[in-house]
N, C-alpha and C. Protein backbone atom coordinates (compact mmCIF):
# COMPACT_ATOMS: atom_id res chain seq x y z
N MET A 1 9.02 -21.44 44.36
CA MET A 1 10.00 -20.37 44.25
C MET A 1 9.30 -19.04 43.93
N ILE A 2 8.37 -19.07 42.99
CA ILE A 2 7.62 -17.87 42.61
C ILE A 2 6.24 -17.97 43.23
N SER A 3 5.86 -16.97 44.00
CA SER A 3 4.56 -17.00 44.65
C SER A 3 3.44 -16.82 43.63
N ALA A 4 2.26 -17.29 43.98
CA ALA A 4 1.10 -17.17 43.10
C ALA A 4 0.75 -15.71 42.88
N ALA A 5 0.93 -14.89 43.92
CA ALA A 5 0.61 -13.47 43.80
C ALA A 5 1.53 -12.78 42.80
N ASN A 6 2.84 -13.09 42.89
CA ASN A 6 3.79 -12.49 41.95
C ASN A 6 3.53 -12.97 40.52
N LEU A 7 3.23 -14.25 40.39
CA LEU A 7 2.99 -14.81 39.06
C LEU A 7 1.76 -14.20 38.41
N SER A 8 0.66 -14.13 39.16
CA SER A 8 -0.58 -13.58 38.62
C SER A 8 -0.44 -12.08 38.35
N GLY A 9 0.25 -11.39 39.27
CA GLY A 9 0.44 -9.95 39.08
C GLY A 9 1.26 -9.63 37.85
N TYR A 10 2.32 -10.40 37.65
CA TYR A 10 3.16 -10.16 36.48
C TYR A 10 2.43 -10.55 35.20
N ALA A 11 1.67 -11.64 35.25
CA ALA A 11 0.91 -12.06 34.07
C ALA A 11 -0.07 -10.97 33.65
N LEU A 12 -0.73 -10.36 34.62
CA LEU A 12 -1.68 -9.30 34.31
C LEU A 12 -0.98 -8.08 33.73
N ALA A 13 0.15 -7.71 34.35
CA ALA A 13 0.91 -6.55 33.85
C ALA A 13 1.41 -6.81 32.43
N SER A 14 1.89 -8.02 32.19
CA SER A 14 2.39 -8.38 30.85
C SER A 14 1.26 -8.33 29.84
N PHE A 15 0.10 -8.86 30.21
CA PHE A 15 -1.03 -8.90 29.30
C PHE A 15 -1.42 -7.49 28.88
N ILE A 16 -1.47 -6.58 29.84
CA ILE A 16 -1.87 -5.20 29.54
C ILE A 16 -0.87 -4.55 28.58
N LEU A 17 0.42 -4.76 28.84
CA LEU A 17 1.45 -4.15 28.00
C LEU A 17 1.54 -4.78 26.62
N ILE A 18 1.31 -6.07 26.54
CA ILE A 18 1.49 -6.79 25.28
C ILE A 18 0.33 -6.61 24.33
N VAL A 19 -0.90 -6.66 24.84
CA VAL A 19 -2.06 -6.59 23.93
C VAL A 19 -2.23 -5.21 23.33
N ILE A 20 -1.69 -4.18 23.98
CA ILE A 20 -1.72 -2.84 23.39
C ILE A 20 -0.76 -2.84 22.20
N PRO A 21 -1.24 -2.58 20.99
CA PRO A 21 -0.37 -2.66 19.80
C PRO A 21 0.88 -1.79 19.94
N GLY A 22 2.01 -2.43 19.75
CA GLY A 22 3.30 -1.75 19.77
C GLY A 22 4.09 -2.13 18.52
N PRO A 23 5.40 -1.92 18.53
CA PRO A 23 6.22 -2.24 17.36
C PRO A 23 6.07 -3.67 16.86
N SER A 24 6.05 -4.64 17.78
CA SER A 24 5.95 -6.05 17.36
C SER A 24 4.62 -6.34 16.69
N VAL A 25 3.53 -5.88 17.30
CA VAL A 25 2.20 -6.14 16.74
C VAL A 25 2.06 -5.50 15.36
N LEU A 26 2.43 -4.24 15.25
CA LEU A 26 2.28 -3.54 13.98
C LEU A 26 3.22 -4.12 12.92
N PHE A 27 4.37 -4.61 13.34
CA PHE A 27 5.28 -5.24 12.38
C PHE A 27 4.67 -6.53 11.84
N VAL A 28 4.11 -7.34 12.74
CA VAL A 28 3.47 -8.59 12.31
C VAL A 28 2.29 -8.31 11.39
N VAL A 29 1.50 -7.30 11.73
CA VAL A 29 0.36 -6.94 10.88
C VAL A 29 0.86 -6.50 9.50
N GLY A 30 1.92 -5.73 9.48
CA GLY A 30 2.48 -5.29 8.21
C GLY A 30 2.94 -6.46 7.37
N ARG A 31 3.57 -7.46 8.00
CA ARG A 31 4.03 -8.63 7.26
C ARG A 31 2.85 -9.46 6.76
N ALA A 32 1.80 -9.54 7.59
CA ALA A 32 0.62 -10.29 7.18
C ALA A 32 -0.05 -9.64 5.97
N LEU A 33 -0.14 -8.32 5.98
CA LEU A 33 -0.76 -7.61 4.86
C LEU A 33 0.08 -7.72 3.59
N ALA A 34 1.39 -7.71 3.76
CA ALA A 34 2.27 -7.73 2.60
C ALA A 34 2.49 -9.12 2.05
N TYR A 35 2.61 -10.13 2.95
CA TYR A 35 3.02 -11.46 2.49
C TYR A 35 2.11 -12.61 2.90
N GLY A 36 1.18 -12.39 3.80
CA GLY A 36 0.25 -13.45 4.15
C GLY A 36 0.48 -14.08 5.51
N ARG A 37 -0.40 -15.04 5.85
CA ARG A 37 -0.42 -15.64 7.19
C ARG A 37 0.84 -16.42 7.52
N ARG A 38 1.33 -17.23 6.59
CA ARG A 38 2.49 -18.07 6.87
C ARG A 38 3.71 -17.24 7.27
N THR A 39 3.96 -16.18 6.49
CA THR A 39 5.08 -15.30 6.79
C THR A 39 4.85 -14.58 8.11
N ALA A 40 3.62 -14.16 8.37
CA ALA A 40 3.32 -13.46 9.62
C ALA A 40 3.58 -14.35 10.83
N LEU A 41 3.15 -15.61 10.76
CA LEU A 41 3.34 -16.52 11.89
C LEU A 41 4.81 -16.87 12.09
N ALA A 42 5.54 -17.00 10.97
CA ALA A 42 6.99 -17.23 11.09
C ALA A 42 7.67 -16.02 11.73
N THR A 43 7.18 -14.84 11.37
CA THR A 43 7.71 -13.61 11.97
C THR A 43 7.44 -13.57 13.47
N VAL A 44 6.24 -14.02 13.86
CA VAL A 44 5.89 -14.06 15.28
C VAL A 44 6.86 -14.95 16.04
N CYS A 45 7.18 -16.11 15.48
CA CYS A 45 8.11 -17.03 16.14
C CYS A 45 9.48 -16.39 16.31
N GLY A 46 9.97 -15.74 15.26
CA GLY A 46 11.26 -15.07 15.35
C GLY A 46 11.24 -13.92 16.35
N ASN A 47 10.14 -13.18 16.33
CA ASN A 47 10.01 -12.05 17.25
C ASN A 47 10.01 -12.52 18.70
N SER A 48 9.32 -13.63 18.98
CA SER A 48 9.27 -14.17 20.33
C SER A 48 10.65 -14.62 20.78
N ALA A 49 11.40 -15.23 19.87
CA ALA A 49 12.77 -15.65 20.20
C ALA A 49 13.64 -14.43 20.51
N GLY A 50 13.48 -13.37 19.72
CA GLY A 50 14.24 -12.15 19.98
C GLY A 50 13.88 -11.53 21.32
N ASN A 51 12.60 -11.54 21.66
CA ASN A 51 12.18 -11.01 22.95
C ASN A 51 12.77 -11.81 24.10
N TYR A 52 12.85 -13.13 23.92
CA TYR A 52 13.38 -13.96 25.00
C TYR A 52 14.88 -13.73 25.18
N VAL A 53 15.57 -13.41 24.09
CA VAL A 53 16.98 -13.06 24.21
C VAL A 53 17.13 -11.81 25.08
N VAL A 54 16.23 -10.84 24.88
CA VAL A 54 16.24 -9.64 25.72
C VAL A 54 16.03 -10.02 27.18
N ALA A 55 15.08 -10.94 27.42
CA ALA A 55 14.80 -11.38 28.79
C ALA A 55 16.02 -12.05 29.41
N VAL A 56 16.72 -12.86 28.64
CA VAL A 56 17.92 -13.53 29.14
C VAL A 56 19.00 -12.51 29.47
N CYS A 57 19.15 -11.52 28.59
CA CYS A 57 20.13 -10.46 28.85
C CYS A 57 19.82 -9.71 30.13
N VAL A 58 18.56 -9.42 30.35
CA VAL A 58 18.15 -8.74 31.57
C VAL A 58 18.46 -9.62 32.78
N ALA A 59 18.17 -10.91 32.66
CA ALA A 59 18.36 -11.82 33.78
C ALA A 59 19.83 -11.91 34.19
N VAL A 60 20.74 -11.80 33.24
CA VAL A 60 22.17 -11.91 33.57
C VAL A 60 22.82 -10.55 33.77
N GLY A 61 22.03 -9.49 33.66
CA GLY A 61 22.54 -8.17 33.99
C GLY A 61 22.80 -7.25 32.83
N ILE A 62 22.86 -7.75 31.61
CA ILE A 62 23.15 -6.90 30.46
C ILE A 62 22.02 -5.92 30.21
N GLY A 63 20.79 -6.42 30.29
CA GLY A 63 19.64 -5.56 30.06
C GLY A 63 19.56 -4.43 31.06
N THR A 64 19.95 -4.70 32.30
CA THR A 64 19.94 -3.66 33.32
C THR A 64 20.88 -2.52 32.96
N LEU A 65 22.05 -2.89 32.41
CA LEU A 65 23.00 -1.87 31.99
C LEU A 65 22.43 -1.00 30.89
N VAL A 66 21.78 -1.63 29.91
CA VAL A 66 21.18 -0.87 28.81
C VAL A 66 20.05 0.01 29.32
N GLN A 67 19.25 -0.54 30.25
CA GLN A 67 18.13 0.20 30.81
C GLN A 67 18.61 1.46 31.52
N ARG A 68 19.77 1.38 32.18
CA ARG A 68 20.26 2.52 32.96
C ARG A 68 21.08 3.50 32.12
N SER A 69 21.51 3.08 30.94
CA SER A 69 22.34 3.94 30.10
C SER A 69 21.50 4.52 28.98
N ALA A 70 21.36 5.83 28.98
CA ALA A 70 20.58 6.50 27.94
C ALA A 70 21.20 6.28 26.57
N GLU A 71 22.54 6.26 26.51
CA GLU A 71 23.22 6.10 25.23
C GLU A 71 22.98 4.71 24.64
N LEU A 72 23.13 3.67 25.46
CA LEU A 72 22.93 2.31 24.97
C LEU A 72 21.47 2.07 24.60
N PHE A 73 20.56 2.60 25.42
CA PHE A 73 19.14 2.45 25.13
C PHE A 73 18.80 3.08 23.79
N THR A 74 19.32 4.28 23.56
CA THR A 74 19.07 4.98 22.31
C THR A 74 19.64 4.22 21.12
N ALA A 75 20.84 3.64 21.30
CA ALA A 75 21.46 2.87 20.21
C ALA A 75 20.60 1.68 19.83
N VAL A 76 20.10 0.95 20.83
CA VAL A 76 19.24 -0.21 20.57
C VAL A 76 17.95 0.23 19.89
N LYS A 77 17.38 1.31 20.39
CA LYS A 77 16.12 1.81 19.84
C LYS A 77 16.28 2.23 18.38
N LEU A 78 17.32 2.98 18.08
CA LEU A 78 17.52 3.46 16.71
C LEU A 78 17.86 2.32 15.75
N ALA A 79 18.60 1.32 16.24
CA ALA A 79 18.92 0.17 15.38
C ALA A 79 17.64 -0.53 14.95
N GLY A 80 16.75 -0.76 15.90
CA GLY A 80 15.48 -1.40 15.58
C GLY A 80 14.62 -0.53 14.67
N ALA A 81 14.61 0.78 14.93
CA ALA A 81 13.80 1.69 14.12
C ALA A 81 14.28 1.73 12.67
N LEU A 82 15.59 1.81 12.48
CA LEU A 82 16.14 1.86 11.13
C LEU A 82 15.87 0.56 10.37
N TYR A 83 15.92 -0.56 11.08
CA TYR A 83 15.65 -1.84 10.44
C TYR A 83 14.19 -1.92 9.99
N LEU A 84 13.28 -1.46 10.84
CA LEU A 84 11.87 -1.45 10.48
C LEU A 84 11.62 -0.56 9.25
N ILE A 85 12.23 0.61 9.24
CA ILE A 85 12.05 1.53 8.12
C ILE A 85 12.58 0.91 6.83
N TRP A 86 13.74 0.25 6.91
CA TRP A 86 14.32 -0.39 5.72
C TRP A 86 13.41 -1.48 5.18
N LEU A 87 12.86 -2.32 6.07
CA LEU A 87 11.94 -3.37 5.64
C LEU A 87 10.68 -2.77 5.01
N GLY A 88 10.19 -1.68 5.60
CA GLY A 88 9.00 -1.03 5.05
C GLY A 88 9.24 -0.48 3.66
N ILE A 89 10.40 0.13 3.45
CA ILE A 89 10.74 0.66 2.13
C ILE A 89 10.80 -0.46 1.11
N GLN A 90 11.40 -1.59 1.49
CA GLN A 90 11.48 -2.73 0.58
C GLN A 90 10.08 -3.24 0.21
N ALA A 91 9.18 -3.27 1.20
CA ALA A 91 7.82 -3.75 0.93
C ALA A 91 7.09 -2.82 -0.03
N VAL A 92 7.26 -1.51 0.15
CA VAL A 92 6.62 -0.54 -0.73
C VAL A 92 7.17 -0.66 -2.15
N ARG A 93 8.47 -0.81 -2.27
CA ARG A 93 9.10 -0.90 -3.60
C ARG A 93 8.64 -2.14 -4.36
N ARG A 94 8.35 -3.21 -3.62
CA ARG A 94 8.00 -4.47 -4.27
C ARG A 94 6.50 -4.76 -4.25
N ARG A 95 5.70 -3.75 -3.96
CA ARG A 95 4.26 -3.98 -3.83
C ARG A 95 3.62 -4.47 -5.12
N GLY A 96 4.17 -4.07 -6.27
CA GLY A 96 3.59 -4.47 -7.54
C GLY A 96 3.85 -5.93 -7.90
N THR A 97 4.78 -6.57 -7.22
CA THR A 97 5.11 -7.96 -7.54
C THR A 97 4.57 -8.94 -6.50
N LEU A 98 3.81 -8.47 -5.55
CA LEU A 98 3.34 -9.34 -4.47
C LEU A 98 2.32 -10.36 -4.95
N ALA A 99 1.67 -10.10 -6.08
CA ALA A 99 0.69 -11.06 -6.57
C ALA A 99 1.32 -12.41 -6.87
N ALA A 100 2.61 -12.43 -7.16
CA ALA A 100 3.30 -13.69 -7.44
C ALA A 100 3.31 -14.61 -6.23
N ALA A 101 3.06 -14.05 -5.06
CA ALA A 101 3.05 -14.86 -3.84
C ALA A 101 1.92 -15.88 -3.86
N PHE A 102 0.87 -15.61 -4.65
CA PHE A 102 -0.25 -16.53 -4.71
C PHE A 102 -0.04 -17.66 -5.71
N GLY A 103 1.09 -17.56 -6.44
CA GLY A 103 1.40 -18.63 -7.36
C GLY A 103 1.90 -19.85 -6.60
N GLU A 104 2.00 -20.97 -7.29
CA GLU A 104 2.43 -22.19 -6.63
C GLU A 104 3.93 -22.39 -6.71
N ALA A 105 4.63 -21.49 -7.36
CA ALA A 105 6.05 -21.68 -7.57
C ALA A 105 6.85 -21.53 -6.29
N ALA A 106 6.56 -20.47 -5.54
CA ALA A 106 7.37 -20.22 -4.33
C ALA A 106 6.61 -19.29 -3.41
N PRO A 107 6.87 -19.35 -2.12
CA PRO A 107 6.24 -18.44 -1.17
C PRO A 107 6.83 -17.05 -1.30
N ALA A 108 6.08 -16.05 -0.78
CA ALA A 108 6.55 -14.68 -0.88
C ALA A 108 7.81 -14.46 -0.05
N ARG A 109 7.94 -15.19 1.03
CA ARG A 109 9.06 -15.04 1.95
C ARG A 109 9.39 -16.42 2.49
N SER A 110 10.67 -16.78 2.52
CA SER A 110 11.01 -18.07 3.10
C SER A 110 10.79 -18.00 4.61
N ASP A 111 10.46 -19.14 5.20
CA ASP A 111 10.23 -19.18 6.64
C ASP A 111 11.47 -18.74 7.40
N GLN A 112 12.64 -19.18 6.93
CA GLN A 112 13.88 -18.83 7.62
C GLN A 112 14.12 -17.32 7.61
N ARG A 113 13.84 -16.70 6.46
CA ARG A 113 14.05 -15.25 6.37
C ARG A 113 13.06 -14.51 7.25
N ALA A 114 11.81 -14.96 7.26
CA ALA A 114 10.79 -14.31 8.08
C ALA A 114 11.13 -14.43 9.56
N VAL A 115 11.60 -15.62 9.97
CA VAL A 115 12.00 -15.81 11.37
C VAL A 115 13.18 -14.90 11.71
N ARG A 116 14.14 -14.81 10.81
CA ARG A 116 15.32 -13.98 11.05
C ARG A 116 14.94 -12.50 11.19
N GLU A 117 14.08 -12.03 10.29
CA GLU A 117 13.66 -10.63 10.36
C GLU A 117 12.86 -10.37 11.64
N GLY A 118 11.98 -11.30 11.99
CA GLY A 118 11.21 -11.16 13.22
C GLY A 118 12.11 -11.13 14.45
N PHE A 119 13.14 -11.96 14.43
CA PHE A 119 14.09 -12.01 15.55
C PHE A 119 14.79 -10.67 15.74
N LEU A 120 15.25 -10.08 14.63
CA LEU A 120 15.96 -8.80 14.72
C LEU A 120 15.05 -7.70 15.26
N VAL A 121 13.79 -7.72 14.85
CA VAL A 121 12.84 -6.73 15.37
C VAL A 121 12.59 -6.98 16.86
N GLY A 122 12.42 -8.23 17.25
CA GLY A 122 12.15 -8.55 18.64
C GLY A 122 13.29 -8.21 19.57
N VAL A 123 14.52 -8.47 19.13
CA VAL A 123 15.68 -8.25 20.00
C VAL A 123 16.03 -6.77 20.12
N THR A 124 15.52 -5.93 19.21
CA THR A 124 15.78 -4.49 19.28
C THR A 124 14.55 -3.69 19.67
N ASN A 125 13.51 -4.38 20.13
CA ASN A 125 12.25 -3.71 20.49
C ASN A 125 12.37 -3.05 21.87
N PRO A 126 12.32 -1.72 21.95
CA PRO A 126 12.43 -1.05 23.24
C PRO A 126 11.33 -1.46 24.23
N LYS A 127 10.17 -1.83 23.71
CA LYS A 127 9.07 -2.24 24.58
C LYS A 127 9.44 -3.50 25.37
N ALA A 128 10.18 -4.42 24.72
CA ALA A 128 10.62 -5.63 25.41
C ALA A 128 11.61 -5.29 26.52
N LEU A 129 12.49 -4.35 26.24
CA LEU A 129 13.47 -3.93 27.24
C LEU A 129 12.79 -3.29 28.44
N ILE A 130 11.76 -2.50 28.17
CA ILE A 130 11.01 -1.87 29.26
C ILE A 130 10.29 -2.92 30.10
N LEU A 131 9.65 -3.88 29.41
CA LEU A 131 8.91 -4.92 30.11
C LEU A 131 9.83 -5.76 30.99
N PHE A 132 10.92 -6.25 30.40
CA PHE A 132 11.81 -7.15 31.13
C PHE A 132 12.80 -6.41 32.04
N GLY A 133 13.14 -5.17 31.66
CA GLY A 133 14.13 -4.45 32.46
C GLY A 133 13.54 -3.60 33.56
N ALA A 134 12.28 -3.16 33.41
CA ALA A 134 11.68 -2.27 34.40
C ALA A 134 10.51 -2.90 35.14
N VAL A 135 9.67 -3.64 34.43
CA VAL A 135 8.47 -4.20 35.06
C VAL A 135 8.75 -5.54 35.73
N LEU A 136 9.41 -6.44 35.02
CA LEU A 136 9.64 -7.79 35.54
C LEU A 136 10.35 -7.83 36.90
N PRO A 137 11.44 -7.06 37.11
CA PRO A 137 12.14 -7.14 38.40
C PRO A 137 11.26 -6.83 39.61
N GLN A 138 10.17 -6.10 39.40
CA GLN A 138 9.30 -5.75 40.51
C GLN A 138 8.53 -6.94 41.05
N PHE A 139 8.47 -8.03 40.29
CA PHE A 139 7.72 -9.21 40.69
C PHE A 139 8.63 -10.37 41.09
N VAL A 140 9.90 -10.06 41.28
CA VAL A 140 10.87 -11.08 41.70
C VAL A 140 11.04 -11.01 43.22
N ASP A 141 11.02 -12.16 43.87
CA ASP A 141 11.23 -12.24 45.31
C ASP A 141 12.70 -12.52 45.57
N ARG A 142 13.46 -11.46 45.84
CA ARG A 142 14.90 -11.62 46.04
C ARG A 142 15.22 -12.44 47.28
N ALA A 143 14.34 -12.42 48.26
CA ALA A 143 14.57 -13.20 49.48
C ALA A 143 14.51 -14.70 49.21
N ALA A 144 13.81 -15.09 48.15
CA ALA A 144 13.69 -16.50 47.83
C ALA A 144 14.90 -17.04 47.09
N GLY A 145 15.78 -16.15 46.63
CA GLY A 145 16.98 -16.57 45.93
C GLY A 145 16.72 -16.94 44.49
N HIS A 146 17.80 -17.35 43.81
CA HIS A 146 17.71 -17.77 42.40
C HIS A 146 17.01 -16.71 41.55
N VAL A 147 17.43 -15.46 41.72
CA VAL A 147 16.78 -14.36 41.02
C VAL A 147 16.80 -14.52 39.50
N PRO A 148 17.95 -14.85 38.88
CA PRO A 148 17.95 -15.02 37.41
C PRO A 148 16.96 -16.09 36.95
N VAL A 149 16.86 -17.18 37.73
CA VAL A 149 15.93 -18.25 37.37
C VAL A 149 14.49 -17.76 37.45
N GLN A 150 14.18 -17.02 38.51
CA GLN A 150 12.84 -16.46 38.65
C GLN A 150 12.50 -15.55 37.46
N MET A 151 13.47 -14.72 37.06
CA MET A 151 13.23 -13.78 35.96
C MET A 151 13.01 -14.51 34.64
N LEU A 152 13.77 -15.59 34.43
CA LEU A 152 13.60 -16.35 33.19
C LEU A 152 12.25 -17.05 33.16
N LEU A 153 11.82 -17.58 34.31
CA LEU A 153 10.53 -18.25 34.37
C LEU A 153 9.38 -17.27 34.16
N LEU A 154 9.47 -16.11 34.80
CA LEU A 154 8.42 -15.11 34.64
C LEU A 154 8.39 -14.56 33.21
N SER A 155 9.57 -14.38 32.63
CA SER A 155 9.60 -13.87 31.26
C SER A 155 8.96 -14.85 30.29
N GLY A 156 9.01 -16.15 30.63
CA GLY A 156 8.35 -17.14 29.79
C GLY A 156 6.85 -16.90 29.70
N VAL A 157 6.27 -16.36 30.77
CA VAL A 157 4.85 -16.03 30.77
C VAL A 157 4.57 -14.94 29.73
N SER A 158 5.43 -13.93 29.72
CA SER A 158 5.28 -12.84 28.75
C SER A 158 5.43 -13.34 27.32
N ILE A 159 6.41 -14.22 27.11
CA ILE A 159 6.64 -14.75 25.77
C ILE A 159 5.41 -15.51 25.29
N GLY A 160 4.83 -16.32 26.19
CA GLY A 160 3.63 -17.08 25.82
C GLY A 160 2.46 -16.18 25.47
N ILE A 161 2.25 -15.14 26.28
CA ILE A 161 1.16 -14.20 26.00
C ILE A 161 1.40 -13.49 24.67
N GLY A 162 2.63 -13.06 24.46
CA GLY A 162 2.96 -12.36 23.22
C GLY A 162 2.81 -13.25 22.00
N LEU A 163 3.19 -14.52 22.14
CA LEU A 163 3.09 -15.45 21.02
C LEU A 163 1.64 -15.63 20.58
N VAL A 164 0.75 -15.78 21.56
CA VAL A 164 -0.67 -15.96 21.25
C VAL A 164 -1.26 -14.66 20.69
N SER A 165 -0.97 -13.54 21.35
CA SER A 165 -1.53 -12.26 20.93
C SER A 165 -1.08 -11.87 19.53
N ASP A 166 0.23 -11.95 19.27
CA ASP A 166 0.75 -11.57 17.96
C ASP A 166 0.23 -12.49 16.86
N SER A 167 0.09 -13.79 17.18
CA SER A 167 -0.42 -14.73 16.19
C SER A 167 -1.86 -14.38 15.81
N MET A 168 -2.65 -14.01 16.80
CA MET A 168 -4.04 -13.63 16.52
C MET A 168 -4.09 -12.39 15.63
N TRP A 169 -3.24 -11.40 15.92
CA TRP A 169 -3.18 -10.21 15.08
C TRP A 169 -2.78 -10.58 13.66
N GLY A 170 -1.79 -11.47 13.53
CA GLY A 170 -1.31 -11.86 12.21
C GLY A 170 -2.37 -12.59 11.40
N VAL A 171 -3.08 -13.51 12.04
CA VAL A 171 -4.13 -14.27 11.35
C VAL A 171 -5.26 -13.34 10.91
N ALA A 172 -5.67 -12.44 11.80
CA ALA A 172 -6.74 -11.50 11.47
C ALA A 172 -6.35 -10.62 10.29
N ALA A 173 -5.10 -10.12 10.30
CA ALA A 173 -4.65 -9.25 9.21
C ALA A 173 -4.54 -10.01 7.90
N SER A 174 -4.10 -11.28 7.98
CA SER A 174 -3.96 -12.07 6.75
C SER A 174 -5.31 -12.34 6.10
N ARG A 175 -6.35 -12.48 6.90
CA ARG A 175 -7.69 -12.68 6.34
C ARG A 175 -8.16 -11.43 5.62
N LEU A 176 -7.86 -10.28 6.16
CA LEU A 176 -8.19 -9.03 5.49
C LEU A 176 -7.43 -8.92 4.18
N ARG A 177 -6.19 -9.36 4.19
CA ARG A 177 -5.37 -9.34 2.99
C ARG A 177 -5.98 -10.19 1.88
N SER A 178 -6.53 -11.36 2.25
CA SER A 178 -7.12 -12.26 1.26
C SER A 178 -8.26 -11.58 0.51
N TRP A 179 -9.03 -10.76 1.21
CA TRP A 179 -10.14 -10.05 0.56
C TRP A 179 -9.59 -9.04 -0.45
N PHE A 180 -8.55 -8.33 -0.05
CA PHE A 180 -7.97 -7.35 -0.96
C PHE A 180 -7.31 -8.01 -2.16
N ALA A 181 -6.80 -9.22 -1.94
CA ALA A 181 -6.03 -9.89 -2.99
C ALA A 181 -6.88 -10.31 -4.18
N ARG A 182 -8.19 -10.25 -4.06
CA ARG A 182 -9.05 -10.63 -5.18
C ARG A 182 -8.89 -9.68 -6.36
N SER A 183 -8.39 -8.51 -6.10
CA SER A 183 -8.14 -7.54 -7.16
C SER A 183 -6.65 -7.21 -7.17
N PRO A 184 -5.98 -7.28 -8.33
CA PRO A 184 -4.55 -6.94 -8.41
C PRO A 184 -4.26 -5.54 -7.89
N ARG A 185 -5.16 -4.60 -8.20
CA ARG A 185 -4.94 -3.22 -7.74
C ARG A 185 -5.05 -3.14 -6.23
N ARG A 186 -6.06 -3.81 -5.66
CA ARG A 186 -6.19 -3.84 -4.21
C ARG A 186 -4.97 -4.48 -3.57
N PHE A 187 -4.48 -5.53 -4.23
CA PHE A 187 -3.34 -6.25 -3.68
C PHE A 187 -2.11 -5.36 -3.60
N ALA A 188 -1.86 -4.59 -4.67
CA ALA A 188 -0.73 -3.67 -4.66
C ALA A 188 -0.90 -2.61 -3.57
N LEU A 189 -2.14 -2.13 -3.42
CA LEU A 189 -2.40 -1.12 -2.40
C LEU A 189 -2.15 -1.65 -0.99
N VAL A 190 -2.61 -2.88 -0.73
CA VAL A 190 -2.45 -3.42 0.62
C VAL A 190 -1.00 -3.78 0.89
N GLY A 191 -0.27 -4.19 -0.16
CA GLY A 191 1.15 -4.45 0.02
C GLY A 191 1.89 -3.18 0.38
N GLY A 192 1.54 -2.08 -0.31
CA GLY A 192 2.15 -0.79 0.03
C GLY A 192 1.75 -0.32 1.40
N ALA A 193 0.48 -0.59 1.79
CA ALA A 193 0.02 -0.19 3.13
C ALA A 193 0.81 -0.91 4.21
N GLY A 194 1.09 -2.19 3.99
CA GLY A 194 1.89 -2.93 4.95
C GLY A 194 3.28 -2.33 5.10
N GLY A 195 3.87 -1.95 3.98
CA GLY A 195 5.19 -1.31 4.04
C GLY A 195 5.15 0.03 4.74
N LEU A 196 4.13 0.83 4.43
CA LEU A 196 3.99 2.13 5.09
C LEU A 196 3.77 1.98 6.59
N ALA A 197 3.04 0.92 6.98
CA ALA A 197 2.82 0.67 8.40
C ALA A 197 4.15 0.40 9.10
N MET A 198 5.02 -0.38 8.46
CA MET A 198 6.32 -0.67 9.06
C MET A 198 7.19 0.58 9.15
N ILE A 199 7.13 1.41 8.11
CA ILE A 199 7.88 2.67 8.15
C ILE A 199 7.37 3.55 9.28
N GLY A 200 6.03 3.61 9.42
CA GLY A 200 5.45 4.41 10.50
C GLY A 200 5.87 3.93 11.87
N VAL A 201 5.91 2.60 12.04
CA VAL A 201 6.34 2.05 13.33
C VAL A 201 7.80 2.41 13.58
N GLY A 202 8.63 2.30 12.55
CA GLY A 202 10.04 2.63 12.72
C GLY A 202 10.24 4.07 13.12
N VAL A 203 9.52 4.98 12.46
CA VAL A 203 9.64 6.41 12.80
C VAL A 203 9.14 6.66 14.23
N THR A 204 8.03 6.00 14.60
CA THR A 204 7.49 6.17 15.95
C THR A 204 8.48 5.71 17.00
N VAL A 205 9.09 4.54 16.77
CA VAL A 205 10.08 4.02 17.71
C VAL A 205 11.27 4.98 17.81
N ALA A 206 11.70 5.54 16.69
CA ALA A 206 12.87 6.42 16.67
C ALA A 206 12.63 7.71 17.46
N VAL A 207 11.42 8.25 17.40
CA VAL A 207 11.16 9.55 18.04
C VAL A 207 10.60 9.40 19.45
N THR A 208 10.29 8.16 19.86
CA THR A 208 9.75 7.98 21.20
C THR A 208 10.85 8.21 22.23
N GLY A 209 10.55 8.99 23.24
CA GLY A 209 11.53 9.29 24.26
C GLY A 209 11.81 8.10 25.16
N ARG A 210 12.94 8.14 25.82
CA ARG A 210 13.33 7.07 26.75
C ARG A 210 12.52 7.17 28.00
N ARG A 211 11.99 6.03 28.45
CA ARG A 211 11.24 6.00 29.69
C ARG A 211 12.15 5.60 30.83
N SER A 212 12.06 6.32 31.92
CA SER A 212 12.90 6.00 33.07
C SER A 212 12.26 4.96 33.95
């Protein structure tokens, strides 16, 4: 159903767009710095699920409507930006208590909460909408039929690439966090840095213009 040329071409395009740090990557890095590897990887899983929801919406036509409507696109973009900023502010406010995450009593973030937060970021990520709404349709063979099925299969390639890429970023950032965590003062600083990174991503997403 999907030609090898279309599959390889889309995989390459997805790889280029995904590996370049965007909202999802910087969000995962921020979570890794603030809460560690486990939370970062749970966030990656949630983010990937949110991205796939965007892909499904595009496949059934909802994403196309948002892509063509400046008002709807802006609403989605601002919702995601405000959520990122709110999470960043919370991380900065709680930076002094992050050392408790290394205790054996409880993790810094429950897996369910991390997945949920990652999902909300992924489903409101304008970069995902651009990838699935503008780039993906170019690699679909409409003459072959089953267009929604083709789009869902191709989007799975992007999800897989993103899952691996974001996980690598999260693991790398969590190792850096471990070095800082040897000192309580360093730990507070890196926790605040993670929060500031999320705030910066949110502001960047909010002020980024709509791409046609």
